[in-house]
Amino acid sequence: MKLMSSSTTLVFLLLLLASSFRHEASAASEVCHSKCKCVPSGTYGNKDECPCYRDRVNSKGQSKCP
């Protein structure tokens, strides 16, 4: 059995982490959409278009919606 080099292993782990992050962000976005019934336009910074998105925060005061 041939082992992967450390750089190959690092790239693999980074890709795995990125994939996991995208899945979590997508799941959070779906929850926010279903609860708020609206989605702000664009990719960032338009949360005022949908007050529910803007106002949903966790116990630390951070936004729940991406």
PDB file of N, CA and C in Angstrom:
ATOM      1  N   MET A   1       0.840  -1.177   0.000  1.00  0.00           N
ATOM      2  CA  MET A   1       0.000   0.000   0.000  1.00  0.00           C
ATOM      3  C   MET A   1       0.885   1.241   0.000  1.00  0.00           C
ATOM      4  N   LYS A   2       0.621   2.161  -0.919  1.00  0.00           N
ATOM      5  CA  LYS A   2       1.400   3.379  -1.008  1.00  0.00           C
ATOM      6  C   LYS A   2       0.723   4.478  -0.176  1.00  0.00           C
ATOM      7  N   LEU A   3       1.477   5.159   0.672  1.00  0.00           N
ATOM      8  CA  LEU A   3       0.941   6.244   1.485  1.00  0.00           C
ATOM      9  C   LEU A   3       0.978   7.545   0.705  1.00  0.00           C
ATOM     10  N   MET A   4       0.035   8.420   1.003  1.00  0.00           N
ATOM     11  CA  MET A   4       0.019   9.734   0.357  1.00  0.00           C
ATOM     12  C   MET A   4       1.114  10.611   0.950  1.00  0.00           C
ATOM     13  N   SER A   5       1.651  11.509   0.147  1.00  0.00           N
ATOM     14  CA  SER A   5       2.626  12.457   0.670  1.00  0.00           C
ATOM     15  C   SER A   5       1.912  13.429   1.597  1.00  0.00           C
ATOM     16  N   SER A   6       2.674  14.113   2.437  1.00  0.00           N
ATOM     17  CA  SER A   6       2.060  15.037   3.392  1.00  0.00           C
ATOM     18  C   SER A   6       1.349  16.181   2.682  1.00  0.00           C
ATOM     19  N   SER A   7       1.875  16.650   1.555  1.00  0.00           N
ATOM     20  CA  SER A   7       1.208  17.737   0.831  1.00  0.00           C
ATOM     21  C   SER A   7      -0.098  17.255   0.209  1.00  0.00           C
ATOM     22  N   THR A   8      -0.105  16.029  -0.288  1.00  0.00           N
ATOM     23  CA  THR A   8      -1.341  15.470  -0.847  1.00  0.00           C
ATOM     24  C   THR A   8      -2.374  15.287   0.256  1.00  0.00           C
ATOM     25  N   THR A   9      -1.951  14.834   1.395  1.00  0.00           N
ATOM     26  CA  THR A   9      -2.847  14.659   2.528  1.00  0.00           C
ATOM     27  C   THR A   9      -3.420  15.996   2.969  1.00  0.00           C
ATOM     28  N   LEU A  10      -2.594  17.025   3.015  1.00  0.00           N
ATOM     29  CA  LEU A  10      -3.044  18.356   3.412  1.00  0.00           C
ATOM     30  C   LEU A  10      -4.082  18.888   2.433  1.00  0.00           C
ATOM     31  N   VAL A  11      -3.834  18.752   1.151  1.00  0.00           N
ATOM     32  CA  VAL A  11      -4.794  19.203   0.138  1.00  0.00           C
ATOM     33  C   VAL A  11      -6.106  18.453   0.291  1.00  0.00           C
ATOM     34  N   PHE A  12      -6.038  17.160   0.490  1.00  0.00           N
ATOM     35  CA  PHE A  12      -7.244  16.349   0.675  1.00  0.00           C
ATOM     36  C   PHE A  12      -8.039  16.837   1.885  1.00  0.00           C
ATOM     37  N   LEU A  13      -7.363  17.086   3.004  1.00  0.00           N
ATOM     38  CA  LEU A  13      -8.050  17.538   4.210  1.00  0.00           C
ATOM     39  C   LEU A  13      -8.662  18.925   4.028  1.00  0.00           C
ATOM     40  N   LEU A  14      -7.970  19.814   3.322  1.00  0.00           N
ATOM     41  CA  LEU A  14      -8.517  21.152   3.055  1.00  0.00           C
ATOM     42  C   LEU A  14      -9.759  21.075   2.174  1.00  0.00           C
ATOM     43  N   LEU A  15      -9.731  20.217   1.172  1.00  0.00           N
ATOM     44  CA  LEU A  15     -10.906  20.036   0.317  1.00  0.00           C
ATOM     45  C   LEU A  15     -12.073  19.458   1.100  1.00  0.00           C
ATOM     46  N   LEU A  16     -11.795  18.528   1.970  1.00  0.00           N
ATOM     47  CA  LEU A  16     -12.827  17.930   2.809  1.00  0.00           C
ATOM     48  C   LEU A  16     -13.443  18.978   3.737  1.00  0.00           C
ATOM     49  N   LEU A  17     -12.607  19.809   4.338  1.00  0.00           N
ATOM     50  CA  LEU A  17     -13.073  20.866   5.221  1.00  0.00           C
ATOM     51  C   LEU A  17     -13.928  21.877   4.456  1.00  0.00           C
ATOM     52  N   ALA A  18     -13.495  22.280   3.276  1.00  0.00           N
ATOM     53  CA  ALA A  18     -14.246  23.229   2.457  1.00  0.00           C
ATOM     54  C   ALA A  18     -15.601  22.657   2.081  1.00  0.00           C
ATOM     55  N   SER A  19     -15.640  21.393   1.741  1.00  0.00           N
ATOM     56  CA  SER A  19     -16.893  20.742   1.386  1.00  0.00           C
ATOM     57  C   SER A  19     -17.836  20.723   2.579  1.00  0.00           C
ATOM     58  N   SER A  20     -17.320  20.428   3.747  1.00  0.00           N
ATOM     59  CA  SER A  20     -18.128  20.402   4.961  1.00  0.00           C
ATOM     60  C   SER A  20     -18.689  21.781   5.264  1.00  0.00           C
ATOM     61  N   PHE A  21     -17.867  22.828   5.106  1.00  0.00           N
ATOM     62  CA  PHE A  21     -18.315  24.190   5.359  1.00  0.00           C
ATOM     63  C   PHE A  21     -19.437  24.579   4.403  1.00  0.00           C
ATOM     64  N   ARG A  22     -19.279  24.250   3.114  1.00  0.00           N
ATOM     65  CA  ARG A  22     -20.315  24.582   2.133  1.00  0.00           C
ATOM     66  C   ARG A  22     -21.620  23.883   2.488  1.00  0.00           C
ATOM     67  N   HIS A  23     -21.546  22.632   2.948  1.00  0.00           N
ATOM     68  CA  HIS A  23     -22.755  21.898   3.322  1.00  0.00           C
ATOM     69  C   HIS A  23     -23.432  22.567   4.509  1.00  0.00           C
ATOM     70  N   GLU A  24     -22.658  22.960   5.535  1.00  0.00           N
ATOM     71  CA  GLU A  24     -23.244  23.614   6.707  1.00  0.00           C
ATOM     72  C   GLU A  24     -23.861  24.949   6.332  1.00  0.00           C
ATOM     73  N   ALA A  25     -23.185  25.724   5.502  1.00  0.00           N
ATOM     74  CA  ALA A  25     -23.712  27.019   5.082  1.00  0.00           C
ATOM     75  C   ALA A  25     -24.988  26.831   4.276  1.00  0.00           C
ATOM     76  N   SER A  26     -25.004  25.828   3.418  1.00  0.00           N
ATOM     77  CA  SER A  26     -26.187  25.552   2.611  1.00  0.00           C
ATOM     78  C   SER A  26     -27.352  25.138   3.505  1.00  0.00           C
ATOM     79  N   ALA A  27     -27.098  24.285   4.498  1.00  0.00           N
ATOM     80  CA  ALA A  27     -28.149  23.850   5.409  1.00  0.00           C
ATOM     81  C   ALA A  27     -28.684  25.033   6.207  1.00  0.00           C
ATOM     82  N   ALA A  28     -27.801  25.910   6.675  1.00  0.00           N
ATOM     83  CA  ALA A  28     -28.230  27.086   7.431  1.00  0.00           C
ATOM     84  C   ALA A  28     -29.071  27.992   6.547  1.00  0.00           C
ATOM     85  N   SER A  29     -28.667  28.150   5.306  1.00  0.00           N
ATOM     86  CA  SER A  29     -29.405  28.996   4.374  1.00  0.00           C
ATOM     87  C   SER A  29     -30.802  28.439   4.131  1.00  0.00           C
ATOM     88  N   GLU A  30     -30.917  27.132   3.985  1.00  0.00           N
ATOM     89  CA  GLU A  30     -32.222  26.503   3.771  1.00  0.00           C
ATOM     90  C   GLU A  30     -33.129  26.696   4.978  1.00  0.00           C
ATOM     91  N   VAL A  31     -32.591  26.572   6.189  1.00  0.00           N
ATOM     92  CA  VAL A  31     -33.380  26.763   7.402  1.00  0.00           C
ATOM     93  C   VAL A  31     -33.862  28.208   7.477  1.00  0.00           C
ATOM     94  N   CYS A  32     -32.963  29.159   7.225  1.00  0.00           N
ATOM     95  CA  CYS A  32     -33.341  30.570   7.263  1.00  0.00           C
ATOM     96  C   CYS A  32     -34.412  30.876   6.224  1.00  0.00           C
ATOM     97  N   HIS A  33     -34.265  30.327   5.038  1.00  0.00           N
ATOM     98  CA  HIS A  33     -35.245  30.569   3.978  1.00  0.00           C
ATOM     99  C   HIS A  33     -36.609  30.025   4.364  1.00  0.00           C
ATOM    100  N   SER A  34     -36.652  28.818   4.918  1.00  0.00           N
ATOM    101  CA  SER A  34     -37.943  28.220   5.258  1.00  0.00           C
ATOM    102  C   SER A  34     -38.601  28.940   6.439  1.00  0.00           C
ATOM    103  N   LYS A  35     -37.815  29.421   7.387  1.00  0.00           N
ATOM    104  CA  LYS A  35     -38.379  30.137   8.537  1.00  0.00           C
ATOM    105  C   LYS A  35     -38.777  31.564   8.176  1.00  0.00           C
ATOM    106  N   CYS A  36     -37.965  32.237   7.347  1.00  0.00           N
ATOM    107  CA  CYS A  36     -38.188  33.656   7.040  1.00  0.00           C
ATOM    108  C   CYS A  36     -39.103  33.883   5.846  1.00  0.00           C
ATOM    109  N   LYS A  37     -39.206  32.911   4.962  1.00  0.00           N
ATOM    110  CA  LYS A  37     -40.010  33.019   3.747  1.00  0.00           C
ATOM    111  C   LYS A  37     -39.535  34.134   2.816  1.00  0.00           C
ATOM    112  N   CYS A  38     -38.282  34.525   2.945  1.00  0.00           N
ATOM    113  CA  CYS A  38     -37.686  35.487   2.022  1.00  0.00           C
ATOM    114  C   CYS A  38     -36.182  35.271   2.014  1.00  0.00           C
ATOM    115  N   VAL A  39     -35.538  35.768   0.963  1.00  0.00           N
ATOM    116  CA  VAL A  39     -34.094  35.650   0.826  1.00  0.00           C
ATOM    117  C   VAL A  39     -33.568  36.978   0.312  1.00  0.00           C
ATOM    118  N   PRO A  40     -32.575  37.565   0.987  1.00  0.00           N
ATOM    119  CA  PRO A  40     -32.003  38.813   0.483  1.00  0.00           C
ATOM    120  C   PRO A  40     -31.334  38.608  -0.872  1.00  0.00           C
ATOM    121  N   SER A  41     -31.346  39.639  -1.710  1.00  0.00           N
ATOM    122  CA  SER A  41     -30.723  39.528  -3.027  1.00  0.00           C
ATOM    123  C   SER A  41     -29.202  39.596  -2.909  1.00  0.00           C
ATOM    124  N   GLY A  42     -28.517  39.141  -3.930  1.00  0.00           N
ATOM    125  CA  GLY A  42     -27.061  39.191  -3.947  1.00  0.00           C
ATOM    126  C   GLY A  42     -26.443  38.108  -3.094  1.00  0.00           C
ATOM    127  N   THR A  43     -25.135  38.253  -2.867  1.00  0.00           N
ATOM    128  CA  THR A  43     -24.415  37.234  -2.107  1.00  0.00           C
ATOM    129  C   THR A  43     -24.007  37.710  -0.724  1.00  0.00           C
ATOM    130  N   TYR A  44     -24.069  39.025  -0.467  1.00  0.00           N
ATOM    131  CA  TYR A  44     -23.630  39.523   0.836  1.00  0.00           C
ATOM    132  C   TYR A  44     -24.115  40.955   1.040  1.00  0.00           C
ATOM    133  N   GLY A  45     -24.489  41.265   2.280  1.00  0.00           N
ATOM    134  CA  GLY A  45     -24.723  42.650   2.654  1.00  0.00           C
ATOM    135  C   GLY A  45     -26.101  43.209   2.398  1.00  0.00           C
ATOM    136  N   ASN A  46     -27.073  42.413   2.012  1.00  0.00           N
ATOM    137  CA  ASN A  46     -28.404  42.930   1.723  1.00  0.00           C
ATOM    138  C   ASN A  46     -29.458  42.423   2.713  1.00  0.00           C
ATOM    139  N   LYS A  47     -29.057  42.136   3.929  1.00  0.00           N
ATOM    140  CA  LYS A  47     -29.976  41.552   4.902  1.00  0.00           C
ATOM    141  C   LYS A  47     -31.123  42.482   5.289  1.00  0.00           C
ATOM    142  N   ASP A  48     -30.991  43.797   5.036  1.00  0.00           N
ATOM    143  CA  ASP A  48     -32.081  44.713   5.345  1.00  0.00           C
ATOM    144  C   ASP A  48     -33.305  44.455   4.466  1.00  0.00           C
ATOM    145  N   GLU A  49     -33.110  43.801   3.335  1.00  0.00           N
ATOM    146  CA  GLU A  49     -34.231  43.453   2.465  1.00  0.00           C
ATOM    147  C   GLU A  49     -35.122  42.400   3.119  1.00  0.00           C
ATOM    148  N   CYS A  50     -34.581  41.658   4.047  1.00  0.00           N
ATOM    149  CA  CYS A  50     -35.321  40.583   4.710  1.00  0.00           C
ATOM    150  C   CYS A  50     -35.029  40.670   6.211  1.00  0.00           C
ATOM    151  N   PRO A  51     -35.826  41.439   6.965  1.00  0.00           N
ATOM    152  CA  PRO A  51     -35.553  41.658   8.388  1.00  0.00           C
ATOM    153  C   PRO A  51     -35.417  40.362   9.199  1.00  0.00           C
ATOM    154  N   CYS A  52     -36.129  39.333   8.808  1.00  0.00           N
ATOM    155  CA  CYS A  52     -36.022  38.056   9.525  1.00  0.00           C
ATOM    156  C   CYS A  52     -34.600  37.521   9.443  1.00  0.00           C
ATOM    157  N   TYR A  53     -33.975  37.585   8.257  1.00  0.00           N
ATOM    158  CA  TYR A  53     -32.587  37.167   8.098  1.00  0.00           C
ATOM    159  C   TYR A  53     -31.681  37.995   8.991  1.00  0.00           C
ATOM    160  N   ARG A  54     -31.905  39.295   8.973  1.00  0.00           N
ATOM    161  CA  ARG A  54     -31.061  40.216   9.729  1.00  0.00           C
ATOM    162  C   ARG A  54     -31.188  39.984  11.238  1.00  0.00           C
ATOM    163  N   ASP A  55     -32.394  39.702  11.703  1.00  0.00           N
ATOM    164  CA  ASP A  55     -32.660  39.654  13.141  1.00  0.00           C
ATOM    165  C   ASP A  55     -32.457  38.294  13.790  1.00  0.00           C
ATOM    166  N   ARG A  56     -32.284  37.237  13.001  1.00  0.00           N
ATOM    167  CA  ARG A  56     -32.057  35.895  13.579  1.00  0.00           C
ATOM    168  C   ARG A  56     -30.618  35.792  14.063  1.00  0.00           C
ATOM    169  N   VAL A  57     -30.432  35.728  15.385  1.00  0.00           N
ATOM    170  CA  VAL A  57     -29.097  35.638  15.968  1.00  0.00           C
ATOM    171  C   VAL A  57     -29.035  34.495  16.971  1.00  0.00           C
ATOM    172  N   ASN A  58     -27.828  34.000  17.203  1.00  0.00           N
ATOM    173  CA  ASN A  58     -27.639  32.943  18.194  1.00  0.00           C
ATOM    174  C   ASN A  58     -27.428  33.556  19.581  1.00  0.00           C
ATOM    175  N   SER A  59     -27.137  32.744  20.564  1.00  0.00           N
ATOM    176  CA  SER A  59     -26.972  33.228  21.944  1.00  0.00           C
ATOM    177  C   SER A  59     -25.757  34.141  22.106  1.00  0.00           C
ATOM    178  N   LYS A  60     -24.834  34.109  21.142  1.00  0.00           N
ATOM    179  CA  LYS A  60     -23.653  34.973  21.198  1.00  0.00           C
ATOM    180  C   LYS A  60     -23.875  36.274  20.419  1.00  0.00           C
ATOM    181  N   GLY A  61     -25.062  36.453  19.857  1.00  0.00           N
ATOM    182  CA  GLY A  61     -25.360  37.657  19.099  1.00  0.00           C
ATOM    183  C   GLY A  61     -24.889  37.627  17.662  1.00  0.00           C
ATOM    184  N   GLN A  62     -24.435  36.466  17.193  1.00  0.00           N
ATOM    185  CA  GLN A  62     -23.965  36.317  15.812  1.00  0.00           C
ATOM    186  C   GLN A  62     -25.121  35.894  14.929  1.00  0.00           C
ATOM    187  N   SER A  63     -25.093  36.311  13.684  1.00  0.00           N
ATOM    188  CA  SER A  63     -26.153  35.989  12.753  1.00  0.00           C
ATOM    189  C   SER A  63     -26.256  34.482  12.534  1.00  0.00           C
ATOM    190  N   LYS A  64     -27.496  33.979  12.525  1.00  0.00           N
ATOM    191  CA  LYS A  64     -27.717  32.570  12.230  1.00  0.00           C
ATOM    192  C   LYS A  64     -27.779  32.324  10.734  1.00  0.00           C
ATOM    193  N   CYS A  65     -28.117  33.359   9.983  1.00  0.00           N
ATOM    194  CA  CYS A  65     -28.298  33.222   8.548  1.00  0.00           C
ATOM    195  C   CYS A  65     -27.090  33.724   7.785  1.00  0.00           C
ATOM    196  N   PRO A  66     -26.629  32.943   6.827  1.00  0.00           N
ATOM    197  CA  PRO A  66     -25.435  33.343   6.072  1.00  0.00           C
ATOM    198  C   PRO A  66     -25.704  34.508   5.140  1.00  0.00           C
TER     199      PRO A  66
END
